[in-house]
Amino acid sequence: IVCNTIKFLLEKKVEVIIRSTVTEFGIDKIPEIVEFLLSTFPGVKIHLEPVSECGRGLQTGQRFPSPELFIEGFKNAEKIADVFGSEISYSGSSSNLTGFRQSFCGVSVPNFIVTPAGVVTACHEVAEKTHSLAENFIYGYLDTQDEKFVFDYDKIKRLKNYALKISPICTECLALYYCAGECLAKRMESNEKINPRCKINQELTRHYVLKKFFRKEVSK
């Protein structure tokens, strides 16, 4: 069903981005995964993300994969994508070096995410009231009796203020304006310390800068 739906959308000229979550089991197969998807679904774009230790990932005992292997796999997969005339992306960096970000995601808006239980959260990773960060990200619920949403506006205000603040450890980082301080939930969980994604963000940003620079040099 999924494959047929993707092909149908592509036939209708609808842009399709396939999100592939990379675990320890697939960390050495990133180029293979990308080649399969691009050859099976010509015209799609690929978004790669290392697995997060939350939700289903936490329930199944998934651990964050090697940043070094993710970076290597991403770069090799990018070469394959170039052959297919497509592109791959990752949330913590961007090939668009002029596209500065003020926040990592829409959590500062905040995002309006409704769970099956009727809980309203600003973060996909914080979807249960039992989550350690629930007090920070869950800001409302669906009142089934009155059939309307109830919001905590003080929490919304705190979310907006906190999400736009940059941690002191980020101020000298070359990836600052492309990851915008990284995922707020991950920042909170690491107590504003460097987390494994930081290395990926920095190295891929450096990769994009050098790639753009050398392309200009070659074209001269």
C-alpha atoms as a PDB file:
ATOM      1  CA  ILE A   1       0.000   0.000   0.000  1.00  0.00           C
ATOM      2  CA  VAL A   2       2.765   2.435   0.936  1.00  0.00           C
ATOM      3  CA  CYS A   3       4.753   1.769  -2.246  1.00  0.00           C
ATOM      4  CA  ASN A   4       1.694   2.157  -4.456  1.00  0.00           C
ATOM      5  CA  THR A   5       0.743   5.400  -2.697  1.00  0.00           C
ATOM      6  CA  ILE A   6       4.206   6.874  -3.230  1.00  0.00           C
ATOM      7  CA  LYS A   7       4.154   5.941  -6.915  1.00  0.00           C
ATOM      8  CA  PHE A   8       0.647   7.389  -7.311  1.00  0.00           C
ATOM      9  CA  LEU A   9       1.713  10.708  -5.749  1.00  0.00           C
ATOM     10  CA  LEU A  10       4.808  10.900  -7.941  1.00  0.00           C
ATOM     11  CA  GLU A  11       2.699  10.250 -11.039  1.00  0.00           C
ATOM     12  CA  LYS A  12       0.507  13.195  -9.999  1.00  0.00           C
ATOM     13  CA  LYS A  13       3.638  15.390  -9.716  1.00  0.00           C
ATOM     14  CA  VAL A  14       3.312  15.682  -5.931  1.00  0.00           C
ATOM     15  CA  GLU A  15       6.607  16.225  -4.105  1.00  0.00           C
ATOM     16  CA  VAL A  16       7.411  13.197  -1.957  1.00  0.00           C
ATOM     17  CA  ILE A  17      10.025  13.125   0.805  1.00  0.00           C
ATOM     18  CA  ILE A  18      10.752   9.741   2.373  1.00  0.00           C
ATOM     19  CA  ARG A  19      11.952   9.916   5.954  1.00  0.00           C
ATOM     20  CA  SER A  20      14.355   7.089   6.840  1.00  0.00           C
ATOM     21  CA  THR A  21      15.243   6.590  10.500  1.00  0.00           C
ATOM     22  CA  VAL A  22      18.727   5.109  10.830  1.00  0.00           C
ATOM     23  CA  THR A  23      19.381   2.653  13.668  1.00  0.00           C
ATOM     24  CA  GLU A  24      22.478   0.731  14.704  1.00  0.00           C
ATOM     25  CA  PHE A  25      21.241  -2.101  12.489  1.00  0.00           C
ATOM     26  CA  GLY A  26      21.216   0.049   9.352  1.00  0.00           C
ATOM     27  CA  ILE A  27      24.024   2.506  10.075  1.00  0.00           C
ATOM     28  CA  ASP A  28      26.393   0.775   7.620  1.00  0.00           C
ATOM     29  CA  LYS A  29      23.709   0.480   4.929  1.00  0.00           C
ATOM     30  CA  ILE A  30      22.781   4.154   4.420  1.00  0.00           C
ATOM     31  CA  PRO A  31      24.053   4.322   0.786  1.00  0.00           C
ATOM     32  CA  GLU A  32      22.308   1.023   0.029  1.00  0.00           C
ATOM     33  CA  ILE A  33      19.035   2.281   1.522  1.00  0.00           C
ATOM     34  CA  VAL A  34      19.188   5.543  -0.420  1.00  0.00           C
ATOM     35  CA  GLU A  35      20.013   3.801  -3.703  1.00  0.00           C
ATOM     36  CA  PHE A  36      17.088   1.404  -3.237  1.00  0.00           C
ATOM     37  CA  LEU A  37      14.617   4.204  -2.537  1.00  0.00           C
ATOM     38  CA  LEU A  38      15.786   6.398  -5.418  1.00  0.00           C
ATOM     39  CA  SER A  39      15.812   3.547  -7.931  1.00  0.00           C
ATOM     40  CA  THR A  40      12.409   2.280  -6.770  1.00  0.00           C
ATOM     41  CA  PHE A  41      10.777   5.708  -6.582  1.00  0.00           C
ATOM     42  CA  PRO A  42      12.428   8.005  -9.170  1.00  0.00           C
ATOM     43  CA  GLY A  43      11.889  11.630  -8.231  1.00  0.00           C
ATOM     44  CA  VAL A  44      11.598  11.289  -4.454  1.00  0.00           C
ATOM     45  CA  LYS A  45      13.742  13.152  -1.970  1.00  0.00           C
ATOM     46  CA  ILE A  46      15.240  11.392   1.048  1.00  0.00           C
ATOM     47  CA  HIS A  47      15.433  12.664   4.614  1.00  0.00           C
ATOM     48  CA  LEU A  48      17.778  10.773   6.967  1.00  0.00           C
ATOM     49  CA  GLU A  49      17.679  10.907  10.759  1.00  0.00           C
ATOM     50  CA  PRO A  50      19.540   8.907  13.419  1.00  0.00           C
ATOM     51  CA  VAL A  51      17.072   7.133  15.719  1.00  0.00           C
ATOM     52  CA  SER A  52      16.101   8.931  18.943  1.00  0.00           C
ATOM     53  CA  GLU A  53      15.917   7.099  22.240  1.00  0.00           C
ATOM     54  CA  CYS A  54      12.269   7.926  22.792  1.00  0.00           C
ATOM     55  CA  GLY A  55       8.816   6.518  22.069  1.00  0.00           C
ATOM     56  CA  ARG A  56       9.000   3.298  20.076  1.00  0.00           C
ATOM     57  CA  GLY A  57      12.788   3.621  19.914  1.00  0.00           C
ATOM     58  CA  LEU A  58      12.952   3.562  23.679  1.00  0.00           C
ATOM     59  CA  GLN A  59      10.454   0.706  23.957  1.00  0.00           C
ATOM     60  CA  THR A  60      12.491  -1.457  21.581  1.00  0.00           C
ATOM     61  CA  GLY A  61      15.838  -0.638  23.191  1.00  0.00           C
ATOM     62  CA  GLN A  62      17.239   1.402  20.286  1.00  0.00           C
ATOM     63  CA  ARG A  63      20.398   3.391  20.931  1.00  0.00           C
ATOM     64  CA  PHE A  64      21.743   6.429  19.115  1.00  0.00           C
ATOM     65  CA  PRO A  65      23.995   5.140  16.302  1.00  0.00           C
ATOM     66  CA  SER A  66      27.608   6.125  15.773  1.00  0.00           C
ATOM     67  CA  PRO A  67      27.801   9.808  14.678  1.00  0.00           C
ATOM     68  CA  GLU A  68      30.970   9.040  12.691  1.00  0.00           C
ATOM     69  CA  LEU A  69      29.299   6.236  10.745  1.00  0.00           C
ATOM     70  CA  PHE A  70      26.191   8.351  10.136  1.00  0.00           C
ATOM     71  CA  ILE A  71      28.328  11.175   8.715  1.00  0.00           C
ATOM     72  CA  GLU A  72      30.271   8.778   6.480  1.00  0.00           C
ATOM     73  CA  GLY A  73      27.100   7.063   5.288  1.00  0.00           C
ATOM     74  CA  PHE A  74      25.373  10.385   4.618  1.00  0.00           C
ATOM     75  CA  LYS A  75      28.247  11.686   2.493  1.00  0.00           C
ATOM     76  CA  ASN A  76      28.415   8.472   0.452  1.00  0.00           C
ATOM     77  CA  ALA A  77      24.642   8.456   0.020  1.00  0.00           C
ATOM     78  CA  GLU A  78      24.790  12.067  -1.172  1.00  0.00           C
ATOM     79  CA  LYS A  79      26.994  10.975  -4.096  1.00  0.00           C
ATOM     80  CA  ILE A  80      24.395   8.393  -5.060  1.00  0.00           C
ATOM     81  CA  ALA A  81      21.628  10.984  -4.832  1.00  0.00           C
ATOM     82  CA  ASP A  82      23.615  13.268  -7.153  1.00  0.00           C
ATOM     83  CA  VAL A  83      23.695  10.503  -9.779  1.00  0.00           C
ATOM     84  CA  PHE A  84      19.904  10.198  -9.568  1.00  0.00           C
ATOM     85  CA  GLY A  85      19.482  13.971  -9.728  1.00  0.00           C
ATOM     86  CA  SER A  86      17.881  13.962  -6.285  1.00  0.00           C
ATOM     87  CA  GLU A  87      18.885  15.201  -2.859  1.00  0.00           C
ATOM     88  CA  ILE A  88      19.071  13.960   0.703  1.00  0.00           C
ATOM     89  CA  SER A  89      18.669  16.008   3.854  1.00  0.00           C
ATOM     90  CA  TYR A  90      19.112  15.926   7.617  1.00  0.00           C
ATOM     91  CA  SER A  91      17.453  18.173  10.200  1.00  0.00           C
ATOM     92  CA  GLY A  92      20.598  19.447  11.934  1.00  0.00           C
ATOM     93  CA  SER A  93      22.289  20.933   8.881  1.00  0.00           C
ATOM     94  CA  SER A  94      21.464  22.288   5.443  1.00  0.00           C
ATOM     95  CA  SER A  95      23.071  22.614   2.034  1.00  0.00           C
ATOM     96  CA  ASN A  96      21.307  25.982   1.786  1.00  0.00           C
ATOM     97  CA  LEU A  97      24.033  28.011   3.469  1.00  0.00           C
ATOM     98  CA  THR A  98      22.091  31.267   3.199  1.00  0.00           C
ATOM     99  CA  GLY A  99      19.009  29.862   4.898  1.00  0.00           C
ATOM    100  CA  PHE A 100      19.596  30.788   8.535  1.00  0.00           C
ATOM    101  CA  ARG A 101      17.179  29.437  11.146  1.00  0.00           C
ATOM    102  CA  GLN A 102      15.908  31.160  14.278  1.00  0.00           C
ATOM    103  CA  SER A 103      14.740  27.928  15.871  1.00  0.00           C
ATOM    104  CA  PHE A 104      15.334  24.245  15.240  1.00  0.00           C
ATOM    105  CA  CYS A 105      11.675  23.399  14.638  1.00  0.00           C
ATOM    106  CA  GLY A 106       8.183  24.762  15.156  1.00  0.00           C
ATOM    107  CA  VAL A 107       8.234  24.176  18.903  1.00  0.00           C
ATOM    108  CA  SER A 108       8.453  27.943  19.460  1.00  0.00           C
ATOM    109  CA  VAL A 109       5.193  28.561  17.546  1.00  0.00           C
ATOM    110  CA  PRO A 110       4.354  26.140  19.217  1.00  0.00           C
ATOM    111  CA  ASN A 111       3.632  23.022  17.151  1.00  0.00           C
ATOM    112  CA  PHE A 112       0.042  21.802  17.493  1.00  0.00           C
ATOM    113  CA  ILE A 113       0.346  18.025  17.825  1.00  0.00           C
ATOM    114  CA  VAL A 114      -2.649  16.039  19.066  1.00  0.00           C
ATOM    115  CA  THR A 115      -2.016  12.490  20.292  1.00  0.00           C
ATOM    116  CA  PRO A 116      -4.600   9.672  20.107  1.00  0.00           C
ATOM    117  CA  ALA A 117      -5.219  10.280  23.820  1.00  0.00           C
ATOM    118  CA  GLY A 118      -6.247  13.888  23.107  1.00  0.00           C
ATOM    119  CA  VAL A 119      -3.099  15.413  24.575  1.00  0.00           C
ATOM    120  CA  VAL A 120      -1.720  18.530  22.850  1.00  0.00           C
ATOM    121  CA  THR A 121       2.076  18.697  22.718  1.00  0.00           C
ATOM    122  CA  ALA A 122       4.660  20.881  21.008  1.00  0.00           C
ATOM    123  CA  CYS A 123       7.040  17.975  20.426  1.00  0.00           C
ATOM    124  CA  HIS A 124       6.566  14.598  18.716  1.00  0.00           C
ATOM    125  CA  GLU A 125       9.078  13.080  21.135  1.00  0.00           C
ATOM    126  CA  VAL A 126       7.102  14.148  24.191  1.00  0.00           C
ATOM    127  CA  ALA A 127       3.728  12.556  23.545  1.00  0.00           C
ATOM    128  CA  GLU A 128       2.835  11.006  26.918  1.00  0.00           C
ATOM    129  CA  LYS A 129       2.088  12.634  30.240  1.00  0.00           C
ATOM    130  CA  THR A 130       4.564  10.223  31.851  1.00  0.00           C
ATOM    131  CA  HIS A 131       7.481  11.647  29.837  1.00  0.00           C
ATOM    132  CA  SER A 132      10.070  13.462  31.956  1.00  0.00           C
ATOM    133  CA  LEU A 133       9.606  16.616  29.838  1.00  0.00           C
ATOM    134  CA  ALA A 134       5.804  16.503  29.717  1.00  0.00           C
ATOM    135  CA  GLU A 135       5.527  19.540  31.981  1.00  0.00           C
ATOM    136  CA  ASN A 136       7.538  21.558  29.465  1.00  0.00           C
ATOM    137  CA  PHE A 137       5.969  20.466  26.173  1.00  0.00           C
ATOM    138  CA  ILE A 138       2.408  19.289  26.807  1.00  0.00           C
ATOM    139  CA  TYR A 139       0.358  22.468  26.890  1.00  0.00           C
ATOM    140  CA  GLY A 140      -3.237  21.379  26.349  1.00  0.00           C
ATOM    141  CA  TYR A 141      -5.824  18.670  25.907  1.00  0.00           C
ATOM    142  CA  LEU A 142      -9.090  17.921  24.164  1.00  0.00           C
ATOM    143  CA  ASP A 143     -12.090  18.305  26.470  1.00  0.00           C
ATOM    144  CA  THR A 144     -14.329  15.568  25.069  1.00  0.00           C
ATOM    145  CA  GLN A 145     -17.314  16.731  27.086  1.00  0.00           C
ATOM    146  CA  ASP A 146     -17.308  20.300  25.778  1.00  0.00           C
ATOM    147  CA  GLU A 147     -15.691  19.204  22.474  1.00  0.00           C
ATOM    148  CA  LYS A 148     -13.041  21.907  22.540  1.00  0.00           C
ATOM    149  CA  PHE A 149      -9.345  22.244  23.224  1.00  0.00           C
ATOM    150  CA  VAL A 150      -8.089  23.655  26.514  1.00  0.00           C
ATOM    151  CA  PHE A 151      -4.682  25.366  26.512  1.00  0.00           C
ATOM    152  CA  ASP A 152      -2.218  26.478  29.176  1.00  0.00           C
ATOM    153  CA  TYR A 153      -1.147  29.859  27.812  1.00  0.00           C
ATOM    154  CA  ASP A 154       1.580  30.344  30.413  1.00  0.00           C
ATOM    155  CA  LYS A 155       3.251  27.186  29.097  1.00  0.00           C
ATOM    156  CA  ILE A 156       2.914  28.434  25.526  1.00  0.00           C
ATOM    157  CA  LYS A 157       4.642  31.661  26.505  1.00  0.00           C
ATOM    158  CA  ARG A 158       7.464  29.781  28.246  1.00  0.00           C
ATOM    159  CA  LEU A 159       7.885  27.523  25.219  1.00  0.00           C
ATOM    160  CA  LYS A 160       8.253  30.480  22.873  1.00  0.00           C
ATOM    161  CA  ASN A 161      10.805  32.181  25.111  1.00  0.00           C
ATOM    162  CA  TYR A 162      12.844  29.077  25.852  1.00  0.00           C
ATOM    163  CA  ALA A 163      12.953  27.739  22.312  1.00  0.00           C
ATOM    164  CA  LEU A 164      14.425  30.975  20.941  1.00  0.00           C
ATOM    165  CA  LYS A 165      17.215  31.088  23.533  1.00  0.00           C
ATOM    166  CA  ILE A 166      20.575  29.754  22.425  1.00  0.00           C
ATOM    167  CA  SER A 167      22.667  27.759  24.868  1.00  0.00           C
ATOM    168  CA  PRO A 168      26.075  29.331  25.754  1.00  0.00           C
ATOM    169  CA  ILE A 169      27.843  26.224  24.429  1.00  0.00           C
ATOM    170  CA  CYS A 170      26.430  26.958  20.951  1.00  0.00           C
ATOM    171  CA  THR A 171      27.626  30.539  20.523  1.00  0.00           C
ATOM    172  CA  GLU A 172      30.986  29.651  18.911  1.00  0.00           C
ATOM    173  CA  CYS A 173      29.724  26.652  16.912  1.00  0.00           C
ATOM    174  CA  LEU A 174      29.970  26.848  13.112  1.00  0.00           C
ATOM    175  CA  ALA A 175      26.595  25.069  12.813  1.00  0.00           C
ATOM    176  CA  LEU A 176      24.765  27.565  15.052  1.00  0.00           C
ATOM    177  CA  TYR A 177      22.688  29.227  12.321  1.00  0.00           C
ATOM    178  CA  TYR A 178      21.799  25.936  10.636  1.00  0.00           C
ATOM    179  CA  CYS A 179      20.733  23.840  13.626  1.00  0.00           C
ATOM    180  CA  ALA A 180      19.696  26.864  15.738  1.00  0.00           C
ATOM    181  CA  GLY A 181      20.755  25.286  19.007  1.00  0.00           C
ATOM    182  CA  GLU A 182      19.451  21.795  18.163  1.00  0.00           C
ATOM    183  CA  CYS A 183      16.253  20.061  19.280  1.00  0.00           C
ATOM    184  CA  LEU A 184      14.867  21.695  22.416  1.00  0.00           C
ATOM    185  CA  ALA A 185      13.827  18.370  23.946  1.00  0.00           C
ATOM    186  CA  LYS A 186      17.307  16.935  23.446  1.00  0.00           C
ATOM    187  CA  ARG A 187      18.872  20.080  24.871  1.00  0.00           C
ATOM    188  CA  MET A 188      16.762  19.774  27.989  1.00  0.00           C
ATOM    189  CA  GLU A 189      17.508  16.061  28.358  1.00  0.00           C
ATOM    190  CA  SER A 190      21.256  16.707  28.136  1.00  0.00           C
ATOM    191  CA  ASN A 191      21.056  19.688  30.536  1.00  0.00           C
ATOM    192  CA  GLU A 192      22.254  22.033  27.779  1.00  0.00           C
ATOM    193  CA  LYS A 193      25.402  19.974  27.189  1.00  0.00           C
ATOM    194  CA  ILE A 194      26.737  18.810  23.828  1.00  0.00           C
ATOM    195  CA  ASN A 195      24.820  15.765  22.591  1.00  0.00           C
ATOM    196  CA  PRO A 196      25.793  13.173  19.920  1.00  0.00           C
ATOM    197  CA  ARG A 197      23.865  15.043  17.207  1.00  0.00           C
ATOM    198  CA  CYS A 198      26.153  18.070  17.630  1.00  0.00           C
ATOM    199  CA  LYS A 199      29.047  16.265  15.953  1.00  0.00           C
ATOM    200  CA  ILE A 200      26.812  15.350  13.004  1.00  0.00           C
ATOM    201  CA  ASN A 201      25.544  18.938  12.727  1.00  0.00           C
ATOM    202  CA  GLN A 202      29.052  20.371  12.796  1.00  0.00           C
ATOM    203  CA  GLU A 203      30.635  17.908  10.383  1.00  0.00           C
ATOM    204  CA  LEU A 204      27.839  18.064   7.808  1.00  0.00           C
ATOM    205  CA  THR A 205      27.823  21.869   7.966  1.00  0.00           C
ATOM    206  CA  ARG A 206      31.588  21.836   7.403  1.00  0.00           C
ATOM    207  CA  HIS A 207      31.016  19.401   4.523  1.00  0.00           C
ATOM    208  CA  TYR A 208      28.473  21.721   2.863  1.00  0.00           C
ATOM    209  CA  VAL A 209      30.750  24.757   3.247  1.00  0.00           C
ATOM    210  CA  LEU A 210      33.751  22.972   1.729  1.00  0.00           C
ATOM    211  CA  LYS A 211      31.625  21.460  -1.027  1.00  0.00           C
ATOM    212  CA  LYS A 212      30.297  24.883  -2.017  1.00  0.00           C
ATOM    213  CA  PHE A 213      33.754  26.462  -1.815  1.00  0.00           C
ATOM    214  CA  PHE A 214      35.483  23.855  -3.974  1.00  0.00           C
ATOM    215  CA  ARG A 215      32.669  23.898  -6.523  1.00  0.00           C
ATOM    216  CA  LYS A 216      33.279  27.639  -6.939  1.00  0.00           C
ATOM    217  CA  GLU A 217      37.015  27.060  -7.269  1.00  0.00           C
ATOM    218  CA  VAL A 218      36.530  24.382  -9.930  1.00  0.00           C
ATOM    219  CA  SER A 219      34.149  26.601 -11.940  1.00  0.00           C
ATOM    220  CA  LYS A 220      36.643  29.476 -12.111  1.00  0.00           C
END
